[in-house]
N, C-alpha and C. Protein backbone atom coordinates (compact mmCIF):
# COMPACT_ATOMS: atom_id res chain seq x y z
N MET A 1 29.08 10.89 -28.05
CA MET A 1 28.14 12.01 -27.55
C MET A 1 26.78 11.48 -28.20
N PRO A 2 25.70 11.88 -27.68
CA PRO A 2 24.47 11.68 -28.19
C PRO A 2 24.17 12.47 -29.35
N LYS A 3 23.48 11.92 -30.48
CA LYS A 3 23.13 12.65 -31.51
C LYS A 3 21.75 12.52 -31.81
N PRO A 4 20.89 13.52 -30.94
CA PRO A 4 19.37 13.44 -31.27
C PRO A 4 18.95 13.59 -32.55
N SER A 5 19.80 14.25 -33.58
CA SER A 5 19.45 14.17 -35.09
C SER A 5 19.15 12.97 -35.68
N VAL A 6 19.76 11.86 -35.13
CA VAL A 6 19.51 10.66 -35.64
C VAL A 6 18.17 10.23 -35.44
N LEU A 7 17.47 10.73 -34.62
CA LEU A 7 16.06 10.47 -34.19
C LEU A 7 15.09 11.42 -34.95
N ALA A 8 15.48 12.38 -35.85
CA ALA A 8 14.64 13.35 -36.41
C ALA A 8 13.57 12.57 -37.23
N GLY A 9 12.37 13.19 -36.94
CA GLY A 9 11.12 12.60 -37.57
C GLY A 9 10.62 11.35 -36.86
N THR A 10 11.25 11.06 -35.81
CA THR A 10 10.80 9.72 -35.00
C THR A 10 9.65 10.21 -34.03
N ILE A 11 8.44 9.82 -34.41
CA ILE A 11 7.16 10.19 -33.71
C ILE A 11 6.62 8.92 -32.98
N VAL A 12 6.09 9.10 -31.88
CA VAL A 12 5.20 8.07 -31.22
C VAL A 12 3.92 8.58 -31.02
N SER A 13 3.02 8.12 -31.60
CA SER A 13 1.68 8.59 -31.46
C SER A 13 0.86 7.58 -30.70
N HIS A 14 0.18 8.15 -29.67
CA HIS A 14 -0.82 7.31 -28.68
C HIS A 14 -1.81 8.29 -28.24
N LYS A 15 -3.00 7.80 -28.30
CA LYS A 15 -4.14 8.48 -27.79
C LYS A 15 -4.33 9.92 -28.47
N GLY A 16 -4.10 9.98 -29.65
CA GLY A 16 -4.36 11.29 -30.32
C GLY A 16 -3.13 12.22 -29.96
N MET A 17 -2.00 11.86 -29.21
CA MET A 17 -0.87 12.59 -29.13
C MET A 17 0.27 12.35 -29.88
N ASN A 18 1.09 13.20 -30.31
CA ASN A 18 2.34 12.87 -31.01
C ASN A 18 3.70 13.33 -29.95
N ILE A 19 4.40 12.32 -29.82
CA ILE A 19 5.75 12.40 -28.90
C ILE A 19 6.75 12.57 -29.83
N ASN A 20 7.51 13.52 -29.81
CA ASN A 20 8.72 13.83 -30.74
C ASN A 20 9.95 13.43 -29.87
N ILE A 21 10.49 12.30 -30.44
CA ILE A 21 11.65 11.65 -29.71
C ILE A 21 12.75 12.47 -29.66
N GLU A 22 13.06 13.04 -30.70
CA GLU A 22 14.25 13.86 -30.90
C GLU A 22 14.16 15.17 -29.87
N GLN A 23 13.03 15.70 -29.81
CA GLN A 23 12.96 16.78 -28.84
C GLN A 23 13.01 16.38 -27.51
N LEU A 24 12.34 15.28 -27.23
CA LEU A 24 12.40 14.56 -25.71
C LEU A 24 13.91 14.27 -25.39
N LEU A 25 14.76 13.77 -26.20
CA LEU A 25 16.18 13.38 -25.99
C LEU A 25 16.76 14.72 -25.70
N THR A 26 16.72 15.74 -26.63
CA THR A 26 17.44 16.93 -26.54
C THR A 26 17.11 17.75 -25.13
N MET A 27 15.84 17.67 -24.77
CA MET A 27 15.59 18.28 -23.51
C MET A 27 16.21 17.63 -22.21
N LEU A 28 15.82 16.26 -22.35
CA LEU A 28 16.63 15.39 -21.22
C LEU A 28 18.01 15.60 -21.07
N ASN A 29 18.59 15.84 -22.20
CA ASN A 29 20.12 15.93 -22.19
C ASN A 29 20.57 17.33 -21.79
N LYS A 30 19.79 18.42 -22.22
CA LYS A 30 20.15 19.80 -21.79
C LYS A 30 19.93 20.01 -20.19
N ARG A 31 19.00 19.20 -19.63
CA ARG A 31 18.78 19.26 -18.22
C ARG A 31 19.95 18.41 -17.34
N ILE A 32 20.18 17.19 -17.97
CA ILE A 32 21.31 16.62 -17.36
C ILE A 32 22.47 17.41 -17.36
N GLU A 33 22.94 17.96 -18.44
CA GLU A 33 24.11 18.58 -18.66
C GLU A 33 24.14 19.91 -17.61
N ALA A 34 22.97 20.46 -17.34
CA ALA A 34 22.92 21.53 -16.57
C ALA A 34 23.01 21.18 -15.00
N LEU A 35 22.42 19.99 -14.70
CA LEU A 35 22.57 19.51 -13.23
C LEU A 35 23.62 18.57 -12.98
N TYR A 36 24.23 18.12 -14.08
CA TYR A 36 25.37 17.02 -13.64
C TYR A 36 26.56 17.51 -14.49
N ASP A 37 26.70 16.92 -15.65
CA ASP A 37 27.61 17.03 -16.67
C ASP A 37 27.35 16.68 -17.94
N ARG A 38 28.28 17.05 -18.99
CA ARG A 38 27.94 16.57 -20.28
C ARG A 38 28.21 15.00 -20.64
N ASP A 39 29.18 14.52 -19.74
CA ASP A 39 29.54 13.18 -20.12
C ASP A 39 28.68 12.15 -19.60
N HIS A 40 27.61 12.69 -18.97
CA HIS A 40 26.38 11.62 -18.41
C HIS A 40 25.16 11.88 -19.23
N THR A 41 25.19 12.52 -20.33
CA THR A 41 23.95 12.65 -21.16
C THR A 41 23.49 11.30 -21.61
N VAL A 42 22.13 11.28 -22.13
CA VAL A 42 21.74 9.91 -22.50
C VAL A 42 21.80 9.81 -24.01
N GLY A 43 22.28 8.69 -24.41
CA GLY A 43 22.57 8.39 -25.83
C GLY A 43 21.52 8.08 -26.63
N HIS A 44 21.53 8.46 -27.79
CA HIS A 44 20.37 8.25 -28.70
C HIS A 44 20.04 6.79 -29.02
N ALA A 45 21.02 5.72 -28.63
CA ALA A 45 20.79 4.49 -28.89
C ALA A 45 19.76 3.96 -28.00
N TYR A 46 19.53 4.48 -27.00
CA TYR A 46 18.31 3.91 -26.19
C TYR A 46 16.99 4.03 -27.05
N PHE A 47 16.87 5.03 -27.93
CA PHE A 47 15.60 5.13 -28.56
C PHE A 47 15.60 4.80 -30.16
N THR A 48 16.88 4.31 -30.62
CA THR A 48 16.78 4.02 -31.96
C THR A 48 16.03 2.76 -32.47
N ARG A 49 15.72 1.91 -31.63
CA ARG A 49 14.74 0.86 -31.82
C ARG A 49 13.48 1.18 -32.11
N ILE A 50 12.92 2.33 -31.53
CA ILE A 50 11.63 2.76 -31.72
C ILE A 50 11.43 3.20 -33.25
N LYS A 51 12.56 3.67 -33.80
CA LYS A 51 12.42 4.04 -35.09
C LYS A 51 11.81 3.00 -36.10
N ASP A 52 12.43 1.81 -35.80
CA ASP A 52 12.27 0.65 -36.69
C ASP A 52 10.97 -0.09 -36.54
N LEU A 53 10.29 0.23 -35.40
CA LEU A 53 8.99 -0.50 -35.15
C LEU A 53 7.82 0.24 -35.87
N LYS A 54 6.79 -0.60 -35.90
CA LYS A 54 5.45 -0.16 -36.65
C LYS A 54 4.89 0.90 -35.49
N ASP A 55 4.02 1.72 -36.11
CA ASP A 55 3.42 2.95 -35.42
C ASP A 55 2.81 2.41 -34.16
N GLU A 56 2.13 1.24 -34.28
CA GLU A 56 1.41 0.80 -32.98
C GLU A 56 2.04 0.11 -32.01
N ASP A 57 3.26 -0.19 -32.32
CA ASP A 57 4.35 -0.65 -31.44
C ASP A 57 5.18 0.19 -30.75
N ARG A 58 5.32 1.43 -31.14
CA ARG A 58 6.32 2.46 -30.72
C ARG A 58 6.06 2.90 -29.14
N PHE A 59 4.68 3.06 -28.79
CA PHE A 59 4.58 3.64 -27.58
C PHE A 59 4.86 2.61 -26.44
N SER A 60 4.56 1.35 -26.65
CA SER A 60 4.92 0.27 -25.87
C SER A 60 6.50 0.24 -25.69
N GLU A 61 7.22 0.41 -26.68
CA GLU A 61 8.61 0.35 -26.73
C GLU A 61 9.15 1.55 -25.81
N LEU A 62 8.62 2.74 -26.05
CA LEU A 62 8.88 3.93 -25.32
C LEU A 62 8.75 3.88 -23.86
N LYS A 63 7.76 3.16 -23.33
CA LYS A 63 7.39 2.99 -22.04
C LYS A 63 8.40 1.81 -21.34
N THR A 64 8.89 1.10 -22.22
CA THR A 64 9.85 0.04 -21.70
C THR A 64 11.21 0.75 -21.58
N VAL A 65 11.54 1.55 -22.60
CA VAL A 65 12.69 2.24 -22.47
C VAL A 65 12.78 3.13 -21.24
N PHE A 66 11.83 3.89 -20.85
CA PHE A 66 11.75 4.78 -19.75
C PHE A 66 11.70 3.87 -18.40
N ARG A 67 10.93 2.87 -18.44
CA ARG A 67 10.70 1.94 -17.23
C ARG A 67 12.22 1.23 -16.79
N ASN A 68 12.53 0.69 -17.96
CA ASN A 68 13.82 -0.20 -17.60
C ASN A 68 15.18 0.43 -17.91
N LYS A 69 15.29 1.63 -18.54
CA LYS A 69 16.54 2.16 -18.88
C LYS A 69 16.73 3.58 -18.42
N ILE A 70 15.86 4.51 -18.81
CA ILE A 70 15.98 5.94 -18.47
C ILE A 70 15.86 6.28 -17.11
N ILE A 71 14.77 5.84 -16.54
CA ILE A 71 14.52 6.15 -15.12
C ILE A 71 15.68 5.51 -14.13
N PRO A 72 15.89 4.20 -14.40
CA PRO A 72 17.15 3.57 -13.53
C PRO A 72 18.43 4.32 -13.92
N LEU A 73 18.65 4.82 -15.00
CA LEU A 73 20.00 5.54 -15.18
C LEU A 73 19.85 6.82 -14.69
N LEU A 74 18.93 7.64 -14.55
CA LEU A 74 18.73 8.85 -13.79
C LEU A 74 18.87 8.55 -12.32
N GLU A 75 18.28 7.47 -11.80
CA GLU A 75 18.51 7.22 -10.24
C GLU A 75 20.08 7.07 -10.00
N GLU A 76 20.72 6.41 -11.05
CA GLU A 76 22.12 6.09 -10.64
C GLU A 76 22.91 7.36 -10.87
N TYR A 77 22.66 8.17 -11.84
CA TYR A 77 23.31 9.45 -12.03
C TYR A 77 23.21 10.35 -10.88
N PHE A 78 22.01 10.51 -10.34
CA PHE A 78 21.78 11.45 -9.33
C PHE A 78 21.45 10.82 -7.87
N PHE A 79 22.10 9.56 -7.72
CA PHE A 79 22.28 8.91 -6.55
C PHE A 79 20.84 9.00 -5.66
N ASP A 80 19.80 8.85 -6.39
CA ASP A 80 18.29 8.72 -5.77
C ASP A 80 18.00 10.14 -5.34
N ASP A 81 18.55 11.17 -5.78
CA ASP A 81 18.11 12.45 -5.47
C ASP A 81 16.75 12.75 -6.45
N TRP A 82 15.84 12.43 -5.92
CA TRP A 82 14.59 12.66 -6.69
C TRP A 82 14.20 13.85 -7.14
N GLN A 83 14.54 14.87 -6.27
CA GLN A 83 14.14 16.27 -6.69
C GLN A 83 14.74 16.59 -8.07
N LYS A 84 16.25 16.10 -8.20
CA LYS A 84 16.84 16.48 -9.49
C LYS A 84 16.20 15.51 -10.63
N ILE A 85 15.89 14.34 -10.43
CA ILE A 85 15.33 13.54 -11.20
C ILE A 85 13.95 14.13 -11.89
N ARG A 86 13.21 14.70 -10.98
CA ARG A 86 11.89 15.43 -11.29
C ARG A 86 12.34 16.62 -12.28
N LEU A 87 13.49 17.31 -11.86
CA LEU A 87 13.54 18.48 -12.87
C LEU A 87 14.08 17.98 -14.04
N VAL A 88 14.91 16.98 -14.41
CA VAL A 88 15.32 16.27 -15.61
C VAL A 88 14.06 15.98 -16.31
N LEU A 89 13.07 15.51 -15.66
CA LEU A 89 11.91 14.95 -16.39
C LEU A 89 10.77 16.07 -16.58
N GLY A 90 11.22 17.28 -16.07
CA GLY A 90 10.27 18.30 -16.39
C GLY A 90 8.95 18.25 -15.38
N ASP A 91 8.99 17.25 -14.47
CA ASP A 91 7.84 17.07 -13.48
C ASP A 91 7.47 18.33 -12.85
N ASN A 92 8.39 19.12 -12.39
CA ASN A 92 8.12 20.38 -11.73
C ASN A 92 7.32 21.40 -12.45
N GLN A 93 7.19 21.16 -13.74
CA GLN A 93 6.55 22.09 -14.55
C GLN A 93 5.22 21.55 -15.31
N LYS A 94 4.87 20.39 -15.02
CA LYS A 94 3.78 19.66 -15.42
C LYS A 94 2.61 19.91 -14.74
N PRO A 95 1.53 20.64 -15.16
CA PRO A 95 0.32 21.11 -14.35
C PRO A 95 -0.38 20.05 -13.64
N LYS A 96 -0.54 18.77 -14.32
CA LYS A 96 -1.26 17.66 -13.91
C LYS A 96 -0.33 16.74 -13.17
N GLN A 97 -0.60 16.39 -11.93
CA GLN A 97 0.17 15.48 -11.20
C GLN A 97 0.28 14.00 -11.91
N GLU A 98 -0.88 13.59 -12.51
CA GLU A 98 -0.97 12.25 -13.12
C GLU A 98 0.13 12.23 -14.25
N HIS A 99 0.51 13.38 -14.70
CA HIS A 99 1.64 13.48 -15.88
C HIS A 99 2.96 13.47 -15.35
N GLN A 100 3.28 13.35 -13.88
CA GLN A 100 4.53 13.46 -13.36
C GLN A 100 4.97 12.05 -13.04
N PHE A 101 6.32 11.75 -13.70
CA PHE A 101 6.87 10.44 -13.44
C PHE A 101 7.14 10.33 -12.12
N VAL A 102 7.45 11.21 -11.21
CA VAL A 102 7.96 11.28 -9.88
C VAL A 102 7.09 12.15 -8.98
N HIS A 103 6.31 11.67 -7.92
CA HIS A 103 5.68 12.39 -7.02
C HIS A 103 6.44 12.78 -5.79
N GLU A 104 6.19 14.09 -5.24
CA GLU A 104 6.79 14.20 -3.90
C GLU A 104 5.55 13.72 -2.93
N ILE A 105 5.87 12.99 -2.00
CA ILE A 105 4.74 12.50 -1.22
C ILE A 105 4.87 12.93 0.07
N GLY A 106 5.47 14.10 0.37
CA GLY A 106 5.50 14.68 1.60
C GLY A 106 6.87 14.62 2.43
N ARG A 107 6.96 15.42 3.48
CA ARG A 107 8.12 15.26 4.39
C ARG A 107 7.91 14.16 5.36
N GLU A 108 9.08 13.95 6.14
CA GLU A 108 8.67 13.05 7.16
C GLU A 108 7.94 13.40 8.17
N GLU A 109 7.55 12.69 9.03
CA GLU A 109 6.55 13.02 10.12
C GLU A 109 7.10 14.37 10.79
N ASP A 110 6.04 14.87 11.29
CA ASP A 110 6.25 16.38 11.86
C ASP A 110 7.24 16.28 13.06
N LEU A 111 8.12 17.34 13.01
CA LEU A 111 9.15 17.26 14.13
C LEU A 111 8.73 17.20 15.44
N LEU A 112 7.60 17.87 15.90
CA LEU A 112 7.13 17.85 17.25
C LEU A 112 6.70 16.35 17.63
N ALA A 113 5.97 15.53 16.65
CA ALA A 113 5.65 14.35 16.69
C ALA A 113 6.79 13.33 16.99
N LEU A 114 7.95 13.68 16.28
CA LEU A 114 8.93 12.97 16.40
C LEU A 114 10.07 13.11 17.56
N PHE A 115 10.27 14.44 17.93
CA PHE A 115 11.34 14.81 18.88
C PHE A 115 10.66 15.47 20.15
N GLY A 116 9.47 15.97 20.06
CA GLY A 116 8.92 16.74 21.25
C GLY A 116 9.12 18.19 20.84
N ARG A 117 9.05 18.89 21.99
CA ARG A 117 9.11 20.32 21.88
C ARG A 117 10.36 20.98 21.79
N GLU A 118 11.38 20.53 22.50
CA GLU A 118 12.82 21.17 22.66
C GLU A 118 13.69 20.44 21.69
N HIS A 119 13.50 20.33 20.44
CA HIS A 119 14.25 19.69 19.60
C HIS A 119 15.32 20.51 18.82
N GLU A 120 15.06 21.93 18.62
CA GLU A 120 15.90 22.88 17.87
C GLU A 120 16.19 22.53 16.57
N LEU A 121 15.39 21.68 15.88
CA LEU A 121 15.65 21.40 14.40
C LEU A 121 14.85 22.08 13.58
N ASP A 122 15.33 22.54 12.52
CA ASP A 122 14.55 23.39 11.35
C ASP A 122 13.62 22.31 10.81
N GLN A 123 12.44 22.74 10.68
CA GLN A 123 11.35 21.86 9.69
C GLN A 123 11.85 21.63 8.50
N TYR A 124 12.48 22.53 7.88
CA TYR A 124 13.05 22.37 6.36
C TYR A 124 14.33 21.45 6.35
N ALA A 125 14.81 21.12 7.29
CA ALA A 125 15.89 19.99 7.24
C ALA A 125 15.40 18.65 7.10
N ILE A 126 14.09 18.52 7.27
CA ILE A 126 13.53 17.07 7.03
C ILE A 126 13.37 17.01 5.63
N ARG A 127 13.87 15.70 5.18
CA ARG A 127 13.87 15.30 3.82
C ARG A 127 12.49 15.07 3.34
N SER A 128 12.28 15.63 1.99
CA SER A 128 10.93 15.14 1.42
C SER A 128 11.21 13.62 0.80
N ARG A 129 10.01 12.93 0.73
CA ARG A 129 10.16 11.67 0.33
C ARG A 129 9.43 11.56 -1.14
N TYR A 130 9.73 10.74 -2.04
CA TYR A 130 9.42 10.70 -3.33
C TYR A 130 8.92 9.18 -3.69
N GLN A 131 7.88 9.19 -4.70
CA GLN A 131 7.59 7.89 -5.06
C GLN A 131 7.41 7.95 -6.64
N LEU A 132 7.83 6.90 -7.34
CA LEU A 132 7.68 6.71 -8.69
C LEU A 132 6.21 6.57 -9.14
N ASN A 133 5.68 7.19 -10.05
CA ASN A 133 4.45 7.24 -10.53
C ASN A 133 4.41 6.36 -11.69
N ALA A 134 4.15 4.99 -11.63
CA ALA A 134 4.20 4.05 -12.66
C ALA A 134 3.15 4.38 -13.71
N ALA A 135 1.90 5.07 -13.21
CA ALA A 135 0.63 5.12 -14.03
C ALA A 135 1.11 6.47 -15.25
N ALA A 136 2.22 7.08 -14.79
CA ALA A 136 2.57 8.20 -15.88
C ALA A 136 3.19 7.68 -17.17
N LEU A 137 3.62 6.61 -16.94
CA LEU A 137 4.29 5.66 -18.07
C LEU A 137 3.41 5.50 -19.14
N ASP A 138 1.98 5.25 -18.80
CA ASP A 138 0.91 5.21 -19.83
C ASP A 138 0.30 6.53 -20.26
N GLN A 139 0.79 7.59 -19.90
CA GLN A 139 0.31 8.93 -20.31
C GLN A 139 1.18 9.52 -21.15
N PRO A 140 0.63 9.75 -22.47
CA PRO A 140 1.58 10.33 -23.74
C PRO A 140 1.98 11.83 -23.22
N ASP A 141 0.90 12.45 -22.46
CA ASP A 141 1.33 13.82 -21.89
C ASP A 141 2.36 13.95 -20.95
N ALA A 142 2.75 12.88 -20.25
CA ALA A 142 3.98 12.73 -19.43
C ALA A 142 5.20 13.03 -20.23
N TYR A 143 5.27 12.23 -21.36
CA TYR A 143 6.49 12.40 -22.21
C TYR A 143 6.52 13.69 -23.06
N VAL A 144 5.53 14.16 -23.46
CA VAL A 144 5.36 15.42 -24.16
C VAL A 144 5.82 16.56 -23.25
N GLY A 145 5.36 16.41 -21.77
CA GLY A 145 5.63 17.37 -20.90
C GLY A 145 7.22 17.67 -20.67
N ILE A 146 7.87 16.45 -20.94
CA ILE A 146 9.47 16.62 -20.88
C ILE A 146 9.91 17.90 -21.61
N TYR A 147 9.50 17.99 -23.01
CA TYR A 147 9.96 19.00 -23.73
C TYR A 147 9.15 20.13 -24.15
N ALA A 148 7.79 20.00 -23.75
CA ALA A 148 7.03 20.86 -23.99
C ALA A 148 6.13 21.65 -22.68
N ALA A 149 7.11 21.41 -21.59
CA ALA A 149 6.48 21.94 -20.29
C ALA A 149 6.07 23.44 -20.35
N LYS A 150 4.99 23.76 -19.82
CA LYS A 150 4.53 25.13 -19.69
C LYS A 150 5.16 25.77 -18.27
N PRO A 151 6.13 26.55 -18.16
CA PRO A 151 6.44 27.18 -16.76
C PRO A 151 5.34 27.90 -16.23
N ALA A 152 5.29 27.98 -15.04
CA ALA A 152 4.35 28.76 -14.32
C ALA A 152 4.57 30.02 -14.59
N VAL A 153 3.48 30.93 -15.06
CA VAL A 153 3.51 32.42 -15.17
C VAL A 153 3.38 33.19 -13.86
N THR A 154 4.19 33.95 -13.62
CA THR A 154 4.22 34.91 -12.53
C THR A 154 3.53 36.21 -12.93
N ALA A 155 2.78 36.60 -11.94
CA ALA A 155 2.16 37.98 -12.04
C ALA A 155 3.18 39.00 -11.86
N GLY A 156 3.04 40.09 -12.86
CA GLY A 156 3.98 41.14 -12.85
C GLY A 156 3.65 42.32 -13.57
């Protein structure tokens, strides 16, 4: 089982922001466990190399880990269910779109344009499309937003 405590004190600093790797892994795994199961949580070994690197090399390694290991692993776990991948990454709670690893790029073409007037299909039955936002890998806020996301406040 993952042991995020192995990563205690592992900080990746970039552009004046500190990314706490232990907190990041803990939150990823809480969400994976809630949406899938405990047996598919992400192991701490993906991030242990970061601990041994010089401070100036850590952010580059974190980007590599996300691009080549974490995101492909989430794709495999959730069978390309990008909405769940967005939830695991906290993208739905990040106020700035540029900090979201996965963007919803809209629904398929309008049903009227596709099928004409008498289609009897529900507009909500059309699947959303998603696109990986590779630019987010360069944004330290994207990583911090995984564990420090600010849920929307509702009036009440």
